[in-house]
């Protein structure tokens, strides 16, 4: 068996913000108001969870 090491780095905060804004822009352009609001709520919960688990954010506290 090959020895696989997990060297994946978490995404930087600025990249998470860019991805979030890009997804919101797609929802705004191609969806209606209900889909945008629903997507905003769901994506906020998902990205807040990912941001909270990012170890780079805990270095400053």
PDB file of N, CA and C in Angstrom:
ATOM      1  N   UNK A   1       0.832  -1.171   0.000  1.00  0.00           N
ATOM      2  CA  UNK A   1       0.000   0.000   0.000  1.00  0.00           C
ATOM      3  C   UNK A   1       0.882   1.241   0.000  1.00  0.00           C
ATOM      4  N   UNK A   2       0.442   2.217  -0.721  1.00  0.00           N
ATOM      5  CA  UNK A   2       1.188   3.478  -0.778  1.00  0.00           C
ATOM      6  C   UNK A   2       0.907   4.292   0.473  1.00  0.00           C
ATOM      7  N   UNK A   3       1.897   5.023   0.875  1.00  0.00           N
ATOM      8  CA  UNK A   3       1.756   5.866   2.055  1.00  0.00           C
ATOM      9  C   UNK A   3       1.326   7.254   1.603  1.00  0.00           C
ATOM     10  N   UNK A   4       0.059   7.594   1.837  1.00  0.00           N
ATOM     11  CA  UNK A   4      -0.476   8.888   1.411  1.00  0.00           C
ATOM     12  C   UNK A   4      -0.527   9.817   2.609  1.00  0.00           C
ATOM     13  N   UNK A   5       0.099  10.971   2.468  1.00  0.00           N
ATOM     14  CA  UNK A   5       0.027  11.958   3.539  1.00  0.00           C
ATOM     15  C   UNK A   5      -0.974  13.028   3.146  1.00  0.00           C
ATOM     16  N   UNK A   6      -1.691  13.516   4.119  1.00  0.00           N
ATOM     17  CA  UNK A   6      -2.695  14.540   3.893  1.00  0.00           C
ATOM     18  C   UNK A   6      -2.022  15.903   3.996  1.00  0.00           C
ATOM     19  N   UNK A   7      -1.693  16.499   2.860  1.00  0.00           N
ATOM     20  CA  UNK A   7      -1.013  17.790   2.856  1.00  0.00           C
ATOM     21  C   UNK A   7      -1.927  18.895   2.363  1.00  0.00           C
ATOM     22  N   UNK A   8      -3.234  18.673   2.374  1.00  0.00           N
ATOM     23  CA  UNK A   8      -4.153  19.699   1.893  1.00  0.00           C
ATOM     24  C   UNK A   8      -4.200  20.860   2.878  1.00  0.00           C
ATOM     25  N   UNK A   9      -4.063  22.031   2.340  1.00  0.00           N
ATOM     26  CA  UNK A   9      -4.102  23.249   3.141  1.00  0.00           C
ATOM     27  C   UNK A   9      -5.514  23.819   3.092  1.00  0.00           C
ATOM     28  N   UNK A  10      -5.993  24.397   4.198  1.00  0.00           N
ATOM     29  CA  UNK A  10      -7.305  25.038   4.162  1.00  0.00           C
ATOM     30  C   UNK A  10      -7.266  26.279   3.267  1.00  0.00           C
ATOM     31  N   UNK A  11      -8.411  26.617   2.732  1.00  0.00           N
ATOM     32  CA  UNK A  11      -8.493  27.789   1.861  1.00  0.00           C
ATOM     33  C   UNK A  11      -8.263  29.059   2.661  1.00  0.00           C
ATOM     34  N   UNK A  12      -7.550  30.023   2.086  1.00  0.00           N
ATOM     35  CA  UNK A  12      -7.390  31.303   2.782  1.00  0.00           C
ATOM     36  C   UNK A  12      -8.720  32.049   2.858  1.00  0.00           C
ATOM     37  N   UNK A  13      -8.825  32.939   3.814  1.00  0.00           N
ATOM     38  CA  UNK A  13     -10.078  33.657   4.036  1.00  0.00           C
ATOM     39  C   UNK A  13     -10.483  34.490   2.831  1.00  0.00           C
ATOM     40  N   UNK A  14      -9.514  35.116   2.156  1.00  0.00           N
ATOM     41  CA  UNK A  14      -9.860  35.955   1.010  1.00  0.00           C
ATOM     42  C   UNK A  14     -10.428  35.120  -0.133  1.00  0.00           C
ATOM     43  N   UNK A  15      -9.937  33.890  -0.296  1.00  0.00           N
ATOM     44  CA  UNK A  15     -10.451  33.026  -1.352  1.00  0.00           C
ATOM     45  C   UNK A  15     -11.857  32.537  -1.011  1.00  0.00           C
ATOM     46  N   UNK A  16     -12.108  32.252   0.254  1.00  0.00           N
ATOM     47  CA  UNK A  16     -13.455  31.855   0.668  1.00  0.00           C
ATOM     48  C   UNK A  16     -14.445  32.980   0.400  1.00  0.00           C
ATOM     49  N   UNK A  17     -14.032  34.220   0.654  1.00  0.00           N
ATOM     50  CA  UNK A  17     -14.901  35.368   0.403  1.00  0.00           C
ATOM     51  C   UNK A  17     -15.165  35.549  -1.090  1.00  0.00           C
ATOM     52  N   UNK A  18     -14.145  35.375  -1.917  1.00  0.00           N
ATOM     53  CA  UNK A  18     -14.311  35.504  -3.366  1.00  0.00           C
ATOM     54  C   UNK A  18     -15.260  34.424  -3.890  1.00  0.00           C
ATOM     55  N   UNK A  19     -15.104  33.202  -3.422  1.00  0.00           N
ATOM     56  CA  UNK A  19     -15.991  32.119  -3.853  1.00  0.00           C
ATOM     57  C   UNK A  19     -17.430  32.402  -3.422  1.00  0.00           C
ATOM     58  N   UNK A  20     -17.601  32.871  -2.188  1.00  0.00           N
ATOM     59  CA  UNK A  20     -18.931  33.197  -1.680  1.00  0.00           C
ATOM     60  C   UNK A  20     -19.586  34.279  -2.541  1.00  0.00           C
ATOM     61  N   UNK A  21     -18.848  35.339  -2.847  1.00  0.00           N
ATOM     62  CA  UNK A  21     -19.402  36.429  -3.646  1.00  0.00           C
ATOM     63  C   UNK A  21     -19.695  35.985  -5.076  1.00  0.00           C
ATOM     64  N   UNK A  22     -18.874  35.105  -5.620  1.00  0.00           N
ATOM     65  CA  UNK A  22     -19.121  34.600  -6.972  1.00  0.00           C
ATOM     66  C   UNK A  22     -20.406  33.773  -7.008  1.00  0.00           C
ATOM     67  N   UNK A  23     -20.613  32.931  -6.012  1.00  0.00           N
ATOM     68  CA  UNK A  23     -21.838  32.128  -5.963  1.00  0.00           C
ATOM     69  C   UNK A  23     -23.056  33.022  -5.786  1.00  0.00           C
ATOM     70  N   UNK A  24     -22.938  34.045  -4.947  1.00  0.00           N
ATOM     71  CA  UNK A  24     -24.044  34.977  -4.753  1.00  0.00           C
ATOM     72  C   UNK A  24     -24.345  35.747  -6.039  1.00  0.00           C
ATOM     73  N   UNK A  25     -23.302  36.109  -6.796  1.00  0.00           N
ATOM     74  CA  UNK A  25     -23.520  36.814  -8.066  1.00  0.00           C
ATOM     75  C   UNK A  25     -24.256  35.922  -9.060  1.00  0.00           C
ATOM     76  N   UNK A  26     -23.896  34.641  -9.109  1.00  0.00           N
ATOM     77  CA  UNK A  26     -24.581  33.710 -10.006  1.00  0.00           C
ATOM     78  C   UNK A  26     -26.042  33.571  -9.602  1.00  0.00           C
ATOM     79  N   UNK A  27     -26.311  33.473  -8.305  1.00  0.00           N
ATOM     80  CA  UNK A  27     -27.701  33.378  -7.850  1.00  0.00           C
ATOM     81  C   UNK A  27     -28.470  34.652  -8.168  1.00  0.00           C
ATOM     82  N   UNK A  28     -27.830  35.802  -8.049  1.00  0.00           N
ATOM     83  CA  UNK A  28     -28.489  37.079  -8.309  1.00  0.00           C
ATOM     84  C   UNK A  28     -28.809  37.221  -9.798  1.00  0.00           C
ATOM     85  N   UNK A  29     -27.864  36.818 -10.649  1.00  0.00           N
ATOM     86  CA  UNK A  29     -28.036  36.995 -12.096  1.00  0.00           C
ATOM     87  C   UNK A  29     -29.032  35.991 -12.668  1.00  0.00           C
ATOM     88  N   UNK A  30     -28.923  34.728 -12.291  1.00  0.00           N
ATOM     89  CA  UNK A  30     -29.718  33.674 -12.924  1.00  0.00           C
ATOM     90  C   UNK A  30     -30.934  33.237 -12.119  1.00  0.00           C
ATOM     91  N   UNK A  31     -31.082  33.702 -10.900  1.00  0.00           N
ATOM     92  CA  UNK A  31     -32.216  33.280 -10.082  1.00  0.00           C
ATOM     93  C   UNK A  31     -33.171  34.428  -9.837  1.00  0.00           C
ATOM     94  N   UNK A  32     -34.264  34.127  -9.190  1.00  0.00           N
ATOM     95  CA  UNK A  32     -35.182  35.181  -8.798  1.00  0.00           C
ATOM     96  C   UNK A  32     -34.898  35.575  -7.344  1.00  0.00           C
ATOM     97  N   UNK A  33     -35.690  36.473  -6.807  1.00  0.00           N
ATOM     98  CA  UNK A  33     -35.430  37.001  -5.468  1.00  0.00           C
ATOM     99  C   UNK A  33     -35.518  35.914  -4.401  1.00  0.00           C
ATOM    100  N   UNK A  34     -36.480  35.012  -4.518  1.00  0.00           N
ATOM    101  CA  UNK A  34     -36.629  33.940  -3.531  1.00  0.00           C
ATOM    102  C   UNK A  34     -35.401  33.030  -3.515  1.00  0.00           C
ATOM    103  N   UNK A  35     -34.935  32.644  -4.696  1.00  0.00           N
ATOM    104  CA  UNK A  35     -33.757  31.780  -4.787  1.00  0.00           C
ATOM    105  C   UNK A  35     -32.525  32.495  -4.251  1.00  0.00           C
ATOM    106  N   UNK A  36     -32.410  33.791  -4.533  1.00  0.00           N
ATOM    107  CA  UNK A  36     -31.262  34.542  -4.030  1.00  0.00           C
ATOM    108  C   UNK A  36     -31.269  34.590  -2.503  1.00  0.00           C
ATOM    109  N   UNK A  37     -32.409  34.883  -1.909  1.00  0.00           N
ATOM    110  CA  UNK A  37     -32.498  34.966  -0.440  1.00  0.00           C
ATOM    111  C   UNK A  37     -32.269  33.599   0.184  1.00  0.00           C
ATOM    112  N   UNK A  38     -32.867  32.571  -0.377  1.00  0.00           N
ATOM    113  CA  UNK A  38     -32.674  31.217   0.142  1.00  0.00           C
ATOM    114  C   UNK A  38     -31.211  30.796   0.002  1.00  0.00           C
ATOM    115  N   UNK A  39     -30.621  31.060  -1.151  1.00  0.00           N
ATOM    116  CA  UNK A  39     -29.210  30.743  -1.363  1.00  0.00           C
ATOM    117  C   UNK A  39     -28.301  31.519  -0.438  1.00  0.00           C
ATOM    118  N   UNK A  40     -28.633  32.785  -0.194  1.00  0.00           N
ATOM    119  CA  UNK A  40     -27.845  33.599   0.726  1.00  0.00           C
ATOM    120  C   UNK A  40     -27.840  32.997   2.125  1.00  0.00           C
ATOM    121  N   UNK A  41     -28.986  32.562   2.597  1.00  0.00           N
ATOM    122  CA  UNK A  41     -29.073  31.963   3.929  1.00  0.00           C
ATOM    123  C   UNK A  41     -28.288  30.650   3.999  1.00  0.00           C
ATOM    124  N   UNK A  42     -28.488  29.789   3.009  1.00  0.00           N
ATOM    125  CA  UNK A  42     -27.813  28.489   3.008  1.00  0.00           C
ATOM    126  C   UNK A  42     -26.300  28.663   2.876  1.00  0.00           C
ATOM    127  N   UNK A  43     -25.866  29.490   1.936  1.00  0.00           N
ATOM    128  CA  UNK A  43     -24.434  29.685   1.721  1.00  0.00           C
ATOM    129  C   UNK A  43     -23.788  30.369   2.928  1.00  0.00           C
ATOM    130  N   UNK A  44     -24.492  31.264   3.587  1.00  0.00           N
ATOM    131  CA  UNK A  44     -23.948  31.907   4.782  1.00  0.00           C
ATOM    132  C   UNK A  44     -23.687  30.890   5.885  1.00  0.00           C
ATOM    133  N   UNK A  45     -24.610  29.974   6.065  1.00  0.00           N
ATOM    134  CA  UNK A  45     -24.434  28.932   7.079  1.00  0.00           C
ATOM    135  C   UNK A  45     -23.255  28.025   6.717  1.00  0.00           C
ATOM    136  N   UNK A  46     -23.168  27.634   5.445  1.00  0.00           N
ATOM    137  CA  UNK A  46     -22.088  26.740   5.007  1.00  0.00           C
ATOM    138  C   UNK A  46     -20.735  27.425   5.149  1.00  0.00           C
ATOM    139  N   UNK A  47     -20.619  28.653   4.658  1.00  0.00           N
ATOM    140  CA  UNK A  47     -19.338  29.334   4.697  1.00  0.00           C
ATOM    141  C   UNK A  47     -18.965  29.761   6.119  1.00  0.00           C
ATOM    142  N   UNK A  48     -19.940  30.077   6.955  1.00  0.00           N
ATOM    143  CA  UNK A  48     -19.622  30.406   8.348  1.00  0.00           C
ATOM    144  C   UNK A  48     -19.046  29.191   9.060  1.00  0.00           C
ATOM    145  N   UNK A  49     -19.571  28.019   8.785  1.00  0.00           N
ATOM    146  CA  UNK A  49     -19.019  26.796   9.361  1.00  0.00           C
ATOM    147  C   UNK A  49     -17.607  26.529   8.892  1.00  0.00           C
ATOM    148  N   UNK A  50     -17.353  26.743   7.612  1.00  0.00           N
ATOM    149  CA  UNK A  50     -16.007  26.553   7.072  1.00  0.00           C
ATOM    150  C   UNK A  50     -15.038  27.592   7.591  1.00  0.00           C
ATOM    151  N   UNK A  51     -15.494  28.825   7.751  1.00  0.00           N
ATOM    152  CA  UNK A  51     -14.640  29.893   8.264  1.00  0.00           C
ATOM    153  C   UNK A  51     -14.298  29.646   9.732  1.00  0.00           C
ATOM    154  N   UNK A  52     -15.258  29.131  10.469  1.00  0.00           N
ATOM    155  CA  UNK A  52     -15.040  28.867  11.894  1.00  0.00           C
ATOM    156  C   UNK A  52     -14.044  27.734  12.104  1.00  0.00           C
ATOM    157  N   UNK A  53     -14.000  26.770  11.180  1.00  0.00           N
ATOM    158  CA  UNK A  53     -13.081  25.644  11.303  1.00  0.00           C
ATOM    159  C   UNK A  53     -11.709  25.922  10.713  1.00  0.00           C
ATOM    160  N   UNK A  54     -11.516  27.086  10.122  1.00  0.00           N
ATOM    161  CA  UNK A  54     -10.240  27.445   9.511  1.00  0.00           C
ATOM    162  C   UNK A  54      -9.230  27.742  10.614  1.00  0.00           C
ATOM    163  N   UNK A  55      -8.153  26.973  10.738  1.00  0.00           N
ATOM    164  CA  UNK A  55      -7.207  27.172  11.842  1.00  0.00           C
ATOM    165  C   UNK A  55      -6.466  28.496  11.769  1.00  0.00           C
ATOM    166  N   UNK A  56      -6.368  29.113  10.601  1.00  0.00           N
ATOM    167  CA  UNK A  56      -5.680  30.402  10.488  1.00  0.00           C
ATOM    168  C   UNK A  56      -6.427  31.486  11.258  1.00  0.00           C
ATOM    169  N   UNK A  57      -7.722  31.336  11.425  1.00  0.00           N
ATOM    170  CA  UNK A  57      -8.519  32.346  12.127  1.00  0.00           C
ATOM    171  C   UNK A  57      -8.343  32.253  13.641  1.00  0.00           C
ATOM    172  N   UNK A  58      -7.882  31.127  14.142  1.00  0.00           N
ATOM    173  CA  UNK A  58      -7.743  30.951  15.574  1.00  0.00           C
ATOM    174  C   UNK A  58      -6.395  31.421  16.090  1.00  0.00           C
ATOM    175  N   UNK A  59      -5.472  31.761  15.198  1.00  0.00           N
ATOM    176  CA  UNK A  59      -4.149  32.209  15.625  1.00  0.00           C
ATOM    177  C   UNK A  59      -4.204  33.584  16.265  1.00  0.00           C
ATOM    178  N   UNK A  60      -5.195  34.385  15.887  1.00  0.00           N
ATOM    179  CA  UNK A  60      -5.262  35.768  16.355  1.00  0.00           C
ATOM    180  C   UNK A  60      -6.027  35.910  17.664  1.00  0.00           C
ATOM    181  N   UNK A  61      -6.603  34.829  18.154  1.00  0.00           N
ATOM    182  CA  UNK A  61      -7.421  34.918  19.381  1.00  0.00           C
ATOM    183  C   UNK A  61      -6.647  34.429  20.575  1.00  0.00           C
TER     184      UNK A  61
END
